[in-house]
N, C-alpha and C. Protein backbone atom coordinates (compact mmCIF):
# COMPACT_ATOMS: atom_id res chain seq x y z
N PHE A 1 16.53 13.19 -1.41
CA PHE A 1 16.52 12.47 0.60
C PHE A 1 15.26 11.63 0.18
N GLU A 2 14.40 11.35 0.06
CA GLU A 2 13.85 10.05 -0.51
C GLU A 2 14.66 8.91 -0.96
N TYR A 3 14.98 9.25 -2.05
CA TYR A 3 15.87 8.04 -2.92
C TYR A 3 16.89 6.90 -1.74
N LEU A 4 17.89 8.26 -1.53
CA LEU A 4 18.20 7.44 0.73
C LEU A 4 17.36 6.75 1.15
N LEU A 5 16.85 6.87 1.16
CA LEU A 5 15.47 5.85 2.12
C LEU A 5 15.37 5.14 1.50
N GLN A 6 14.73 5.38 0.06
CA GLN A 6 13.94 3.87 -0.61
C GLN A 6 14.91 3.14 -0.84
N VAL A 7 16.23 3.19 -1.07
CA VAL A 7 16.96 2.37 -1.84
C VAL A 7 17.01 1.17 -0.62
N PRO A 8 17.86 2.08 0.24
CA PRO A 8 18.07 0.38 1.72
C PRO A 8 16.66 -0.09 2.37
N ALA A 9 15.89 0.35 2.19
CA ALA A 9 13.91 -0.11 2.76
C ALA A 9 14.29 -0.96 1.87
N ASN A 10 14.65 -1.28 0.13
CA ASN A 10 13.49 -1.94 -0.94
C ASN A 10 14.78 -3.22 -0.42
N ARG A 11 15.83 -2.80 -0.47
CA ARG A 11 17.28 -3.28 -0.15
C ARG A 11 17.52 -4.83 0.59
N ILE A 12 16.40 -4.17 2.52
CA ILE A 12 16.25 -4.72 3.75
C ILE A 12 14.72 -5.18 3.21
N GLY A 13 13.66 -5.15 2.84
CA GLY A 13 12.51 -5.07 2.34
C GLY A 13 12.90 -6.93 1.53
N TYR A 14 13.13 -6.31 1.05
CA TYR A 14 13.23 -7.68 -0.68
C TYR A 14 14.12 -8.73 0.26
N THR A 15 14.50 -8.87 2.09
CA THR A 15 15.64 -10.08 2.28
C THR A 15 14.20 -10.52 2.94
N VAL A 16 13.05 -9.15 3.09
CA VAL A 16 12.57 -10.58 4.24
C VAL A 16 11.22 -10.51 3.67
N MET A 17 10.80 -10.14 2.33
CA MET A 17 9.92 -10.67 1.43
C MET A 17 9.81 -10.28 0.02
N ASN A 18 8.99 -11.23 -1.09
CA ASN A 18 9.48 -10.98 -2.20
C ASN A 18 8.78 -10.46 -2.93
N VAL A 19 9.00 -9.87 -3.96
CA VAL A 19 8.96 -8.65 -4.41
C VAL A 19 7.21 -8.17 -5.16
N GLY A 20 6.60 -8.82 -5.13
CA GLY A 20 4.84 -8.83 -5.02
C GLY A 20 4.34 -8.34 -4.03
N GLN A 21 4.76 -9.08 -2.64
CA GLN A 21 4.22 -7.88 -1.62
C GLN A 21 5.12 -7.52 -1.36
N LEU A 22 6.35 -6.54 -1.65
CA LEU A 22 6.52 -5.32 -1.45
C LEU A 22 5.89 -4.69 -2.33
N LYS A 23 5.41 -4.51 -3.65
CA LYS A 23 4.54 -4.03 -4.14
C LYS A 23 2.76 -3.99 -3.59
N ILE A 24 2.23 -5.62 -3.96
CA ILE A 24 1.64 -4.03 -2.97
C ILE A 24 1.61 -4.03 -1.07
N LEU A 25 2.47 -3.78 -0.61
CA LEU A 25 2.96 -3.59 0.66
C LEU A 25 2.90 -1.79 0.30
N GLN A 26 3.28 -0.93 -0.96
CA GLN A 26 3.72 0.08 -1.46
C GLN A 26 2.32 0.27 -1.51
N GLU A 27 1.86 -0.14 -2.18
CA GLU A 27 -0.83 0.65 -3.10
C GLU A 27 -0.62 1.18 -1.30
N VAL A 28 -0.62 -0.04 -0.88
CA VAL A 28 -1.30 -0.23 0.61
C VAL A 28 -1.39 1.79 1.80
N ILE A 29 0.55 1.11 1.71
CA ILE A 29 0.58 2.47 1.92
C ILE A 29 0.91 4.22 1.17
N THR A 30 0.23 3.42 0.28
CA THR A 30 0.74 4.56 -1.45
C THR A 30 -1.62 5.67 -0.32
N LEU A 31 -1.93 4.33 -0.64
CA LEU A 31 -3.23 4.91 -0.35
C LEU A 31 -3.93 5.07 0.94
N SER A 32 -3.25 4.97 1.54
CA SER A 32 -3.43 5.36 2.90
C SER A 32 -3.85 6.67 3.30
N LEU A 33 -2.12 7.14 2.50
CA LEU A 33 -1.88 8.13 2.74
C LEU A 33 -2.83 9.13 1.51
N PHE A 34 -3.07 8.60 0.66
CA PHE A 34 -3.52 9.65 -0.38
C PHE A 34 -4.80 10.06 -0.70
N VAL A 35 -6.01 8.79 -0.34
CA VAL A 35 -6.84 9.50 0.22
C VAL A 35 -7.03 10.61 1.28
N PRO A 36 -7.11 10.08 2.51
CA PRO A 36 -7.29 11.55 2.86
C PRO A 36 -6.62 13.15 2.79
N PHE A 37 -5.74 12.46 2.12
CA PHE A 37 -5.12 14.11 1.60
C PHE A 37 -6.07 15.02 0.42
N ALA A 38 -6.22 13.85 0.12
CA ALA A 38 -8.02 14.25 -1.11
C ALA A 38 -8.93 14.14 -0.36
N VAL A 39 -8.96 14.08 0.07
CA VAL A 39 -10.08 13.72 1.30
C VAL A 39 -10.22 15.91 1.79
N PHE A 40 -9.12 15.08 2.48
CA PHE A 40 -9.29 17.07 3.97
C PHE A 40 -8.58 18.15 2.87
N TYR A 41 -7.45 17.71 2.50
CA TYR A 41 -6.48 18.84 1.65
C TYR A 41 -7.53 19.66 0.41
N MET A 42 -7.02 18.68 -0.24
CA MET A 42 -7.92 18.99 -1.99
C MET A 42 -8.84 18.59 -1.82
N LYS A 43 -10.31 18.76 -1.16
CA LYS A 43 -11.52 18.68 -0.84
C LYS A 43 -12.16 18.08 -2.13
N GLU A 44 -12.13 16.47 -1.95
CA GLU A 44 -12.89 15.48 -2.72
C GLU A 44 -13.63 15.38 -2.43
N PRO A 45 -14.60 15.49 -2.76
CA PRO A 45 -15.21 14.99 -2.26
C PRO A 45 -15.05 13.54 -1.66
N LEU A 46 -15.47 12.31 -0.32
CA LEU A 46 -15.27 10.89 -0.53
C LEU A 46 -16.73 10.14 -1.14
N LYS A 47 -16.36 9.52 -2.08
CA LYS A 47 -17.28 8.78 -3.39
C LYS A 47 -16.45 7.70 -2.10
N LEU A 48 -17.76 6.65 -2.71
CA LEU A 48 -17.90 5.55 -2.53
C LEU A 48 -16.76 4.45 -2.82
N ASP A 49 -15.97 4.89 -4.13
CA ASP A 49 -15.59 3.27 -4.98
C ASP A 49 -14.10 4.09 -4.24
N TYR A 50 -14.02 4.63 -3.45
CA TYR A 50 -12.82 4.48 -2.38
C TYR A 50 -13.21 3.42 -1.39
N LEU A 51 -14.32 3.69 -0.77
CA LEU A 51 -14.29 1.72 -0.13
C LEU A 51 -13.73 0.60 -0.91
N TRP A 52 -14.31 1.13 -2.42
CA TRP A 52 -14.84 -1.08 -3.14
C TRP A 52 -12.91 -0.85 -3.27
N ALA A 53 -11.87 0.55 -3.51
CA ALA A 53 -10.57 0.31 -3.70
C ALA A 53 -10.40 -0.16 -2.51
N GLY A 54 -10.52 0.12 -1.53
CA GLY A 54 -9.91 -0.57 -0.22
C GLY A 54 -9.74 -2.05 -0.08
N LEU A 55 -10.99 -2.60 -0.30
CA LEU A 55 -11.94 -3.61 -0.47
C LEU A 55 -11.40 -4.63 -1.37
N CYS A 56 -10.77 -3.87 -2.24
CA CYS A 56 -9.51 -4.75 -3.01
C CYS A 56 -8.15 -4.37 -2.96
N ILE A 57 -7.68 -3.25 -2.61
CA ILE A 57 -6.00 -4.00 -1.78
C ILE A 57 -6.21 -4.95 -0.65
N LEU A 58 -7.63 -4.84 0.35
CA LEU A 58 -7.68 -5.65 1.82
C LEU A 58 -7.14 -7.07 0.78
N GLY A 59 -8.49 -7.39 -0.30
CA GLY A 59 -8.05 -9.06 -0.76
C GLY A 59 -7.16 -8.82 -1.09
N ALA A 60 -5.93 -8.42 -2.38
CA ALA A 60 -4.83 -7.97 -2.35
C ALA A 60 -3.65 -9.03 -1.56
N VAL A 61 -4.20 -8.15 -0.44
CA VAL A 61 -2.82 -8.42 0.66
C VAL A 61 -3.55 -9.50 1.21
N TYR A 62 -4.52 -9.26 1.38
CA TYR A 62 -4.24 -11.21 1.78
C TYR A 62 -3.75 -12.37 1.27
N PHE A 63 -4.35 -12.44 -0.31
CA PHE A 63 -3.63 -12.85 -1.25
C PHE A 63 -1.68 -13.50 -1.56
N MET A 64 -1.77 -11.95 -1.04
CA MET A 64 -0.18 -11.96 -0.79
C MET A 64 0.42 -12.42 0.38
N PHE A 65 -0.25 -11.74 1.33
CA PHE A 65 0.41 -12.87 2.36
C PHE A 65 -0.07 -14.19 3.04
N ARG A 66 -0.97 -14.60 2.49
CA ARG A 66 -2.29 -15.42 2.92
C ARG A 66 -0.87 -17.05 3.37
N SER A 67 0.15 -17.12 2.54
CA SER A 67 0.98 -18.12 3.20
C SER A 67 2.00 -18.09 4.03
N GLU A 68 2.52 -16.79 5.13
CA GLU A 68 2.73 -16.22 6.06
C GLU A 68 1.65 -16.97 7.76
N LEU A 69 -0.14 -16.63 7.21
CA LEU A 69 -1.23 -16.50 7.49
C LEU A 69 -1.17 -17.97 8.19
N HIS A 70 -0.49 -19.09 7.13
CA HIS A 70 -0.28 -20.52 7.85
C HIS A 70 1.01 -21.25 8.67
C-alpha cells in the first residue's frame, strides 16, 4: 500500500521540486513523526540532541529552499 502512494507522489513531487529538496522534505517528515513516537510510545527520554538535530534540519531546509524564497 505504501509503495502505491510513494511512487506517484515521487513522480508528482519531482515535477515541482528537485531531488535534494525532496530528500530534505522526507527527512523533515520522518523526524517530525519519529521523535514524538520515540518519546511518547517508546518512552525514550527527551534529549537536547533532538533539538540540535532539528535545528540542523531547519538549516538544511533553509539552504535547499532559499532560491524559492526570493
